[in-house]
Amino acid sequence: MLEIQLNKSVGVICKVGRVFVKKGDIVHNDDVLFTVESRKTQTVIHANFEGKITGVNLVGGGAVKPETVIMTVDGKTANESKVLITNSR
């Protein structure tokens, strides 16, 4: 099981734009997960893992803080990311 978080290098609380995944979805490396807005810039967040989404703790229009678990995945890390942290549980 992986816990997915925004990296603390993001530095600020971000507004969640659109969430493209939901519980039960199968995600592949580099799939689009969601968008965030920070400092008037919108960023598309891509997966750096592969597996099945087991939980999503994001809603469009909500806020997300770095190092907060934003989703859980039954899968494996595919590569390093400057934006996402994947921790095995």
PDB file of N, CA and C in Angstrom:
ATOM      1  N   MET A   1       0.856  -1.184   0.000  1.00  0.00           N
ATOM      2  CA  MET A   1       0.000   0.000   0.000  1.00  0.00           C
ATOM      3  C   MET A   1       0.895   1.238   0.000  1.00  0.00           C
ATOM      4  N   LEU A   2       0.593   2.185  -0.870  1.00  0.00           N
ATOM      5  CA  LEU A   2       1.322   3.448  -0.935  1.00  0.00           C
ATOM      6  C   LEU A   2       0.458   4.584  -0.418  1.00  0.00           C
ATOM      7  N   GLU A   3       1.071   5.490   0.307  1.00  0.00           N
ATOM      8  CA  GLU A   3       0.420   6.736   0.707  1.00  0.00           C
ATOM      9  C   GLU A   3       1.029   7.846  -0.138  1.00  0.00           C
ATOM     10  N   ILE A   4       0.189   8.584  -0.844  1.00  0.00           N
ATOM     11  CA  ILE A   4       0.651   9.626  -1.759  1.00  0.00           C
ATOM     12  C   ILE A   4       0.463  10.989  -1.103  1.00  0.00           C
ATOM     13  N   GLN A   5       1.514  11.813  -1.157  1.00  0.00           N
ATOM     14  CA  GLN A   5       1.496  13.147  -0.563  1.00  0.00           C
ATOM     15  C   GLN A   5       2.122  14.142  -1.528  1.00  0.00           C
ATOM     16  N   LEU A   6       1.780  15.427  -1.367  1.00  0.00           N
ATOM     17  CA  LEU A   6       2.524  16.472  -2.062  1.00  0.00           C
ATOM     18  C   LEU A   6       3.828  16.683  -1.315  1.00  0.00           C
ATOM     19  N   ASN A   7       4.906  16.877  -2.041  1.00  0.00           N
ATOM     20  CA  ASN A   7       6.208  17.110  -1.454  1.00  0.00           C
ATOM     21  C   ASN A   7       6.224  18.449  -0.721  1.00  0.00           C
ATOM     22  N   LYS A   8       6.976  18.525   0.381  1.00  0.00           N
ATOM     23  CA  LYS A   8       7.054  19.787   1.136  1.00  0.00           C
ATOM     24  C   LYS A   8       7.725  20.887   0.330  1.00  0.00           C
ATOM     25  N   SER A   9       8.432  20.531  -0.745  1.00  0.00           N
ATOM     26  CA  SER A   9       9.052  21.557  -1.595  1.00  0.00           C
ATOM     27  C   SER A   9       7.999  22.421  -2.292  1.00  0.00           C
ATOM     28  N   VAL A  10       6.749  21.930  -2.372  1.00  0.00           N
ATOM     29  CA  VAL A  10       5.655  22.732  -2.914  1.00  0.00           C
ATOM     30  C   VAL A  10       5.493  23.974  -2.047  1.00  0.00           C
ATOM     31  N   GLY A  11       5.679  23.802  -0.743  1.00  0.00           N
ATOM     32  CA  GLY A  11       5.813  24.912   0.182  1.00  0.00           C
ATOM     33  C   GLY A  11       4.581  25.594   0.716  1.00  0.00           C
ATOM     34  N   VAL A  12       3.452  25.512   0.048  1.00  0.00           N
ATOM     35  CA  VAL A  12       2.277  26.254   0.492  1.00  0.00           C
ATOM     36  C   VAL A  12       1.032  25.379   0.389  1.00  0.00           C
ATOM     37  N   ILE A  13      -0.018  25.825   1.043  1.00  0.00           N
ATOM     38  CA  ILE A  13      -1.308  25.169   0.880  1.00  0.00           C
ATOM     39  C   ILE A  13      -1.807  25.498  -0.526  1.00  0.00           C
ATOM     40  N   CYS A  14      -2.215  24.478  -1.253  1.00  0.00           N
ATOM     41  CA  CYS A  14      -2.666  24.653  -2.631  1.00  0.00           C
ATOM     42  C   CYS A  14      -4.169  24.435  -2.726  1.00  0.00           C
ATOM     43  N   LYS A  15      -4.774  25.127  -3.656  1.00  0.00           N
ATOM     44  CA  LYS A  15      -6.187  24.903  -3.959  1.00  0.00           C
ATOM     45  C   LYS A  15      -6.263  23.785  -4.999  1.00  0.00           C
ATOM     46  N   VAL A  16      -7.129  22.816  -4.737  1.00  0.00           N
ATOM     47  CA  VAL A  16      -7.319  21.713  -5.669  1.00  0.00           C
ATOM     48  C   VAL A  16      -8.240  22.188  -6.784  1.00  0.00           C
ATOM     49  N   GLY A  17      -7.812  21.978  -8.015  1.00  0.00           N
ATOM     50  CA  GLY A  17      -8.650  22.325  -9.161  1.00  0.00           C
ATOM     51  C   GLY A  17      -9.577  21.159  -9.470  1.00  0.00           C
ATOM     52  N   ARG A  18      -9.217  20.375 -10.443  1.00  0.00           N
ATOM     53  CA  ARG A  18     -10.025  19.231 -10.862  1.00  0.00           C
ATOM     54  C   ARG A  18      -9.325  17.932 -10.469  1.00  0.00           C
ATOM     55  N   VAL A  19     -10.096  16.988  -9.969  1.00  0.00           N
ATOM     56  CA  VAL A  19      -9.578  15.658  -9.617  1.00  0.00           C
ATOM     57  C   VAL A  19     -10.020  14.695 -10.722  1.00  0.00           C
ATOM     58  N   PHE A  20      -9.057  14.014 -11.335  1.00  0.00           N
ATOM     59  CA  PHE A  20      -9.337  13.150 -12.482  1.00  0.00           C
ATOM     60  C   PHE A  20      -9.468  11.671 -12.118  1.00  0.00           C
ATOM     61  N   VAL A  21      -9.164  11.299 -10.878  1.00  0.00           N
ATOM     62  CA  VAL A  21      -9.223   9.890 -10.478  1.00  0.00           C
ATOM     63  C   VAL A  21     -10.187   9.713  -9.306  1.00  0.00           C
ATOM     64  N   LYS A  22     -10.629   8.474  -9.142  1.00  0.00           N
ATOM     65  CA  LYS A  22     -11.511   8.154  -8.017  1.00  0.00           C
ATOM     66  C   LYS A  22     -11.139   6.772  -7.495  1.00  0.00           C
ATOM     67  N   LYS A  23     -11.662   6.441  -6.340  1.00  0.00           N
ATOM     68  CA  LYS A  23     -11.418   5.146  -5.739  1.00  0.00           C
ATOM     69  C   LYS A  23     -11.811   4.047  -6.730  1.00  0.00           C
ATOM     70  N   GLY A  24     -10.928   3.061  -6.871  1.00  0.00           N
ATOM     71  CA  GLY A  24     -11.173   1.944  -7.771  1.00  0.00           C
ATOM     72  C   GLY A  24     -10.511   2.070  -9.131  1.00  0.00           C
ATOM     73  N   ASP A  25     -10.078   3.293  -9.492  1.00  0.00           N
ATOM     74  CA  ASP A  25      -9.422   3.498 -10.785  1.00  0.00           C
ATOM     75  C   ASP A  25      -8.047   2.826 -10.807  1.00  0.00           C
ATOM     76  N   ILE A  26      -7.670   2.320 -11.968  1.00  0.00           N
ATOM     77  CA  ILE A  26      -6.322   1.797 -12.199  1.00  0.00           C
ATOM     78  C   ILE A  26      -5.514   2.939 -12.816  1.00  0.00           C
ATOM     79  N   VAL A  27      -4.367   3.229 -12.208  1.00  0.00           N
ATOM     80  CA  VAL A  27      -3.527   4.345 -12.647  1.00  0.00           C
ATOM     81  C   VAL A  27      -2.181   3.808 -13.109  1.00  0.00           C
ATOM     82  N   HIS A  28      -1.687   4.408 -14.187  1.00  0.00           N
ATOM     83  CA  HIS A  28      -0.375   4.054 -14.735  1.00  0.00           C
ATOM     84  C   HIS A  28       0.564   5.244 -14.596  1.00  0.00           C
ATOM     85  N   ASN A  29       1.857   4.963 -14.620  1.00  0.00           N
ATOM     86  CA  ASN A  29       2.857   6.014 -14.509  1.00  0.00           C
ATOM     87  C   ASN A  29       2.560   7.135 -15.507  1.00  0.00           C
ATOM     88  N   ASP A  30       2.606   8.358 -15.042  1.00  0.00           N
ATOM     89  CA  ASP A  30       2.421   9.583 -15.816  1.00  0.00           C
ATOM     90  C   ASP A  30       0.967   9.917 -16.144  1.00  0.00           C
ATOM     91  N   ASP A  31      -0.007   9.139 -15.661  1.00  0.00           N
ATOM     92  CA  ASP A  31      -1.415   9.516 -15.818  1.00  0.00           C
ATOM     93  C   ASP A  31      -1.674  10.818 -15.048  1.00  0.00           C
ATOM     94  N   VAL A  32      -2.596  11.626 -15.527  1.00  0.00           N
ATOM     95  CA  VAL A  32      -2.975  12.859 -14.825  1.00  0.00           C
ATOM     96  C   VAL A  32      -3.866  12.492 -13.638  1.00  0.00           C
ATOM     97  N   LEU A  33      -3.506  12.996 -12.448  1.00  0.00           N
ATOM     98  CA  LEU A  33      -4.265  12.723 -11.223  1.00  0.00           C
ATOM     99  C   LEU A  33      -5.200  13.874 -10.868  1.00  0.00           C
ATOM    100  N   PHE A  34      -4.654  15.089 -10.794  1.00  0.00           N
ATOM    101  CA  PHE A  34      -5.432  16.262 -10.398  1.00  0.00           C
ATOM    102  C   PHE A  34      -4.650  17.514 -10.743  1.00  0.00           C
ATOM    103  N   THR A  35      -5.296  18.666 -10.594  1.00  0.00           N
ATOM    104  CA  THR A  35      -4.613  19.943 -10.771  1.00  0.00           C
ATOM    105  C   THR A  35      -4.641  20.703  -9.445  1.00  0.00           C
ATOM    106  N   VAL A  36      -3.620  21.521  -9.240  1.00  0.00           N
ATOM    107  CA  VAL A  36      -3.570  22.402  -8.070  1.00  0.00           C
ATOM    108  C   VAL A  36      -3.253  23.808  -8.534  1.00  0.00           C
ATOM    109  N   GLU A  37      -3.715  24.768  -7.746  1.00  0.00           N
ATOM    110  CA  GLU A  37      -3.432  26.170  -8.022  1.00  0.00           C
ATOM    111  C   GLU A  37      -2.677  26.748  -6.836  1.00  0.00           C
ATOM    112  N   SER A  38      -1.550  27.387  -7.141  1.00  0.00           N
ATOM    113  CA  SER A  38      -0.727  27.987  -6.105  1.00  0.00           C
ATOM    114  C   SER A  38      -0.062  29.219  -6.692  1.00  0.00           C
ATOM    115  N   ARG A  39      -0.165  30.320  -5.983  1.00  0.00           N
ATOM    116  CA  ARG A  39       0.440  31.579  -6.448  1.00  0.00           C
ATOM    117  C   ARG A  39      -0.024  31.925  -7.864  1.00  0.00           C
ATOM    118  N   LYS A  40      -1.319  31.727  -8.112  1.00  0.00           N
ATOM    119  CA  LYS A  40      -1.966  32.044  -9.394  1.00  0.00           C
ATOM    120  C   LYS A  40      -1.440  31.214 -10.564  1.00  0.00           C
ATOM    121  N   THR A  41      -0.821  30.073 -10.264  1.00  0.00           N
ATOM    122  CA  THR A  41      -0.326  29.164 -11.293  1.00  0.00           C
ATOM    123  C   THR A  41      -1.013  27.825 -11.132  1.00  0.00           C
ATOM    124  N   GLN A  42      -1.498  27.280 -12.238  1.00  0.00           N
ATOM    125  CA  GLN A  42      -2.132  25.965 -12.192  1.00  0.00           C
ATOM    126  C   GLN A  42      -1.125  24.908 -12.635  1.00  0.00           C
ATOM    127  N   THR A  43      -1.030  23.831 -11.862  1.00  0.00           N
ATOM    128  CA  THR A  43      -0.092  22.758 -12.144  1.00  0.00           C
ATOM    129  C   THR A  43      -0.846  21.443 -12.259  1.00  0.00           C
ATOM    130  N   VAL A  44      -0.524  20.685 -13.294  1.00  0.00           N
ATOM    131  CA  VAL A  44      -1.102  19.359 -13.484  1.00  0.00           C
ATOM    132  C   VAL A  44      -0.200  18.356 -12.767  1.00  0.00           C
ATOM    133  N   ILE A  45      -0.795  17.535 -11.905  1.00  0.00           N
ATOM    134  CA  ILE A  45      -0.036  16.544 -11.138  1.00  0.00           C
ATOM    135  C   ILE A  45      -0.201  15.180 -11.803  1.00  0.00           C
ATOM    136  N   HIS A  46       0.943  14.581 -12.151  1.00  0.00           N
ATOM    137  CA  HIS A  46       0.976  13.277 -12.814  1.00  0.00           C
ATOM    138  C   HIS A  46       1.400  12.192 -11.829  1.00  0.00           C
ATOM    139  N   ALA A  47       0.950  10.981 -12.061  1.00  0.00           N
ATOM    140  CA  ALA A  47       1.310   9.843 -11.205  1.00  0.00           C
ATOM    141  C   ALA A  47       2.773   9.465 -11.403  1.00  0.00           C
ATOM    142  N   ASN A  48       3.429   9.130 -10.317  1.00  0.00           N
ATOM    143  CA  ASN A  48       4.763   8.538 -10.381  1.00  0.00           C
ATOM    144  C   ASN A  48       4.696   7.122  -9.805  1.00  0.00           C
ATOM    145  N   PHE A  49       3.532   6.513  -9.976  1.00  0.00           N
ATOM    146  CA  PHE A  49       3.276   5.172  -9.455  1.00  0.00           C
ATOM    147  C   PHE A  49       2.306   4.452 -10.383  1.00  0.00           C
ATOM    148  N   GLU A  50       2.144   3.174 -10.131  1.00  0.00           N
ATOM    149  CA  GLU A  50       1.173   2.365 -10.870  1.00  0.00           C
ATOM    150  C   GLU A  50       0.399   1.531  -9.873  1.00  0.00           C
ATOM    151  N   GLY A  51      -0.906   1.395 -10.088  1.00  0.00           N
ATOM    152  CA  GLY A  51      -1.712   0.577  -9.204  1.00  0.00           C
ATOM    153  C   GLY A  51      -3.160   1.013  -9.163  1.00  0.00           C
ATOM    154  N   LYS A  52      -3.886   0.461  -8.198  1.00  0.00           N
ATOM    155  CA  LYS A  52      -5.308   0.730  -8.028  1.00  0.00           C
ATOM    156  C   LYS A  52      -5.505   1.732  -6.897  1.00  0.00           C
ATOM    157  N   ILE A  53      -6.264   2.791  -7.168  1.00  0.00           N
ATOM    158  CA  ILE A  53      -6.565   3.812  -6.160  1.00  0.00           C
ATOM    159  C   ILE A  53      -7.497   3.193  -5.116  1.00  0.00           C
ATOM    160  N   THR A  54      -7.080   3.226  -3.844  1.00  0.00           N
ATOM    161  CA  THR A  54      -7.912   2.676  -2.770  1.00  0.00           C
ATOM    162  C   THR A  54      -8.559   3.758  -1.919  1.00  0.00           C
ATOM    163  N   GLY A  55      -8.113   5.000  -2.087  1.00  0.00           N
ATOM    164  CA  GLY A  55      -8.712   6.109  -1.360  1.00  0.00           C
ATOM    165  C   GLY A  55      -8.260   7.433  -1.924  1.00  0.00           C
ATOM    166  N   VAL A  56      -9.173   8.408  -1.970  1.00  0.00           N
ATOM    167  CA  VAL A  56      -8.857   9.759  -2.454  1.00  0.00           C
ATOM    168  C   VAL A  56      -9.340  10.755  -1.402  1.00  0.00           C
ATOM    169  N   ASN A  57      -8.421  11.570  -0.906  1.00  0.00           N
ATOM    170  CA  ASN A  57      -8.739  12.555   0.118  1.00  0.00           C
ATOM    171  C   ASN A  57      -8.688  13.973  -0.435  1.00  0.00           C
ATOM    172  N   LEU A  58      -9.112  14.135  -1.675  1.00  0.00           N
ATOM    173  CA  LEU A  58      -9.130  15.429  -2.354  1.00  0.00           C
ATOM    174  C   LEU A  58     -10.517  15.689  -2.914  1.00  0.00           C
ATOM    175  N   VAL A  59     -10.899  16.960  -2.945  1.00  0.00           N
ATOM    176  CA  VAL A  59     -12.117  17.360  -3.647  1.00  0.00           C
ATOM    177  C   VAL A  59     -11.805  18.643  -4.414  1.00  0.00           C
ATOM    178  N   GLY A  60     -12.376  18.770  -5.601  1.00  0.00           N
ATOM    179  CA  GLY A  60     -12.202  19.984  -6.375  1.00  0.00           C
ATOM    180  C   GLY A  60     -12.669  21.192  -5.587  1.00  0.00           C
ATOM    181  N   GLY A  61     -11.860  22.231  -5.563  1.00  0.00           N
ATOM    182  CA  GLY A  61     -12.187  23.438  -4.822  1.00  0.00           C
ATOM    183  C   GLY A  61     -11.685  23.430  -3.391  1.00  0.00           C
ATOM    184  N   GLY A  62     -11.240  22.261  -2.924  1.00  0.00           N
ATOM    185  CA  GLY A  62     -10.709  22.149  -1.567  1.00  0.00           C
ATOM    186  C   GLY A  62      -9.256  22.581  -1.508  1.00  0.00           C
ATOM    187  N   ALA A  63      -8.655  22.403  -0.364  1.00  0.00           N
ATOM    188  CA  ALA A  63      -7.251  22.764  -0.166  1.00  0.00           C
ATOM    189  C   ALA A  63      -6.459  21.524   0.232  1.00  0.00           C
ATOM    190  N   VAL A  64      -5.179  21.542  -0.092  1.00  0.00           N
ATOM    191  CA  VAL A  64      -4.296  20.445   0.284  1.00  0.00           C
ATOM    192  C   VAL A  64      -2.970  21.024   0.771  1.00  0.00           C
ATOM    193  N   LYS A  65      -2.502  20.494   1.893  1.00  0.00           N
ATOM    194  CA  LYS A  65      -1.229  20.914   2.462  1.00  0.00           C
ATOM    195  C   LYS A  65      -0.152  19.904   2.083  1.00  0.00           C
ATOM    196  N   PRO A  66       1.080  20.369   1.868  1.00  0.00           N
ATOM    197  CA  PRO A  66       2.178  19.436   1.641  1.00  0.00           C
ATOM    198  C   PRO A  66       2.300  18.449   2.798  1.00  0.00           C
ATOM    199  N   GLU A  67       2.731  17.245   2.489  1.00  0.00           N
ATOM    200  CA  GLU A  67       2.957  16.150   3.431  1.00  0.00           C
ATOM    201  C   GLU A  67       1.686  15.646   4.100  1.00  0.00           C
ATOM    202  N   THR A  68       0.530  15.901   3.500  1.00  0.00           N
ATOM    203  CA  THR A  68      -0.743  15.337   3.936  1.00  0.00           C
ATOM    204  C   THR A  68      -1.085  14.207   2.978  1.00  0.00           C
ATOM    205  N   VAL A  69      -1.546  13.069   3.504  1.00  0.00           N
ATOM    206  CA  VAL A  69      -1.898  11.950   2.630  1.00  0.00           C
ATOM    207  C   VAL A  69      -3.099  12.355   1.783  1.00  0.00           C
ATOM    208  N   ILE A  70      -2.914  12.364   0.460  1.00  0.00           N
ATOM    209  CA  ILE A  70      -3.976  12.790  -0.440  1.00  0.00           C
ATOM    210  C   ILE A  70      -4.653  11.626  -1.146  1.00  0.00           C
ATOM    211  N   MET A  71      -3.961  10.497  -1.236  1.00  0.00           N
ATOM    212  CA  MET A  71      -4.585   9.284  -1.756  1.00  0.00           C
ATOM    213  C   MET A  71      -3.776   8.075  -1.341  1.00  0.00           C
ATOM    214  N   THR A  72      -4.432   6.933  -1.372  1.00  0.00           N
ATOM    215  CA  THR A  72      -3.758   5.673  -1.095  1.00  0.00           C
ATOM    216  C   THR A  72      -3.906   4.785  -2.323  1.00  0.00           C
ATOM    217  N   VAL A  73      -2.877   3.973  -2.554  1.00  0.00           N
ATOM    218  CA  VAL A  73      -2.809   3.162  -3.763  1.00  0.00           C
ATOM    219  C   VAL A  73      -2.283   1.780  -3.420  1.00  0.00           C
ATOM    220  N   ASP A  74      -2.916   0.767  -3.981  1.00  0.00           N
ATOM    221  CA  ASP A  74      -2.391  -0.595  -3.914  1.00  0.00           C
ATOM    222  C   ASP A  74      -1.550  -0.771  -5.166  1.00  0.00           C
ATOM    223  N   GLY A  75      -0.253  -0.540  -5.044  1.00  0.00           N
ATOM    224  CA  GLY A  75       0.613  -0.590  -6.218  1.00  0.00           C
ATOM    225  C   GLY A  75       2.057  -0.366  -5.859  1.00  0.00           C
ATOM    226  N   LYS A  76       2.805   0.185  -6.811  1.00  0.00           N
ATOM    227  CA  LYS A  76       4.242   0.392  -6.610  1.00  0.00           C
ATOM    228  C   LYS A  76       4.675   1.716  -7.224  1.00  0.00           C
ATOM    229  N   THR A  77       5.760   2.282  -6.674  1.00  0.00           N
ATOM    230  CA  THR A  77       6.340   3.507  -7.197  1.00  0.00           C
ATOM    231  C   THR A  77       7.030   3.196  -8.517  1.00  0.00           C
ATOM    232  N   ALA A  78       6.812   4.050  -9.518  1.00  0.00           N
ATOM    233  CA  ALA A  78       7.408   3.837 -10.838  1.00  0.00           C
ATOM    234  C   ALA A  78       8.680   4.659 -11.030  1.00  0.00           C
ATOM    235  N   ASN A  79       8.704   5.877 -10.487  1.00  0.00           N
ATOM    236  CA  ASN A  79       9.884   6.734 -10.633  1.00  0.00           C
ATOM    237  C   ASN A  79       9.869   7.839  -9.586  1.00  0.00           C
ATOM    238  N   GLU A  80      10.956   8.603  -9.536  1.00  0.00           N
ATOM    239  CA  GLU A  80      11.058   9.724  -8.609  1.00  0.00           C
ATOM    240  C   GLU A  80      10.216  10.896  -9.115  1.00  0.00           C
ATOM    241  N   SER A  81       9.758  11.721  -8.199  1.00  0.00           N
ATOM    242  CA  SER A  81       8.978  12.909  -8.554  1.00  0.00           C
ATOM    243  C   SER A  81       9.378  14.052  -7.642  1.00  0.00           C
ATOM    244  N   LYS A  82       9.437  15.263  -8.207  1.00  0.00           N
ATOM    245  CA  LYS A  82       9.722  16.442  -7.394  1.00  0.00           C
ATOM    246  C   LYS A  82       8.477  16.935  -6.680  1.00  0.00           C
ATOM    247  N   VAL A  83       7.298  16.481  -7.121  1.00  0.00           N
ATOM    248  CA  VAL A  83       6.042  16.991  -6.588  1.00  0.00           C
ATOM    249  C   VAL A  83       5.366  16.000  -5.658  1.00  0.00           C
ATOM    250  N   LEU A  84       5.395  14.708  -5.987  1.00  0.00           N
ATOM    251  CA  LEU A  84       4.706  13.693  -5.186  1.00  0.00           C
ATOM    252  C   LEU A  84       5.677  12.861  -4.377  1.00  0.00           C
ATOM    253  N   ILE A  85       5.255  12.491  -3.181  1.00  0.00           N
ATOM    254  CA  ILE A  85       5.992  11.568  -2.325  1.00  0.00           C
ATOM    255  C   ILE A  85       5.164  10.295  -2.244  1.00  0.00           C
ATOM    256  N   THR A  86       5.773   9.154  -2.454  1.00  0.00           N
ATOM    257  CA  THR A  86       5.085   7.882  -2.288  1.00  0.00           C
ATOM    258  C   THR A  86       5.754   7.113  -1.159  1.00  0.00           C
ATOM    259  N   ASN A  87       5.002   6.863  -0.096  1.00  0.00           N
ATOM    260  CA  ASN A  87       5.512   6.131   1.065  1.00  0.00           C
ATOM    261  C   ASN A  87       4.806   4.791   1.174  1.00  0.00           C
ATOM    262  N   SER A  88       5.597   3.744   1.348  1.00  0.00           N
ATOM    263  CA  SER A  88       5.004   2.423   1.571  1.00  0.00           C
ATOM    264  C   SER A  88       4.499   2.333   2.991  1.00  0.00           C
ATOM    265  N   ARG A  89       3.325   1.706   3.139  1.00  0.00           N
ATOM    266  CA  ARG A  89       2.753   1.520   4.468  1.00  0.00           C
ATOM    267  C   ARG A  89       2.831   0.081   4.842  1.00  0.00           C
TER     268      ARG A  89
END
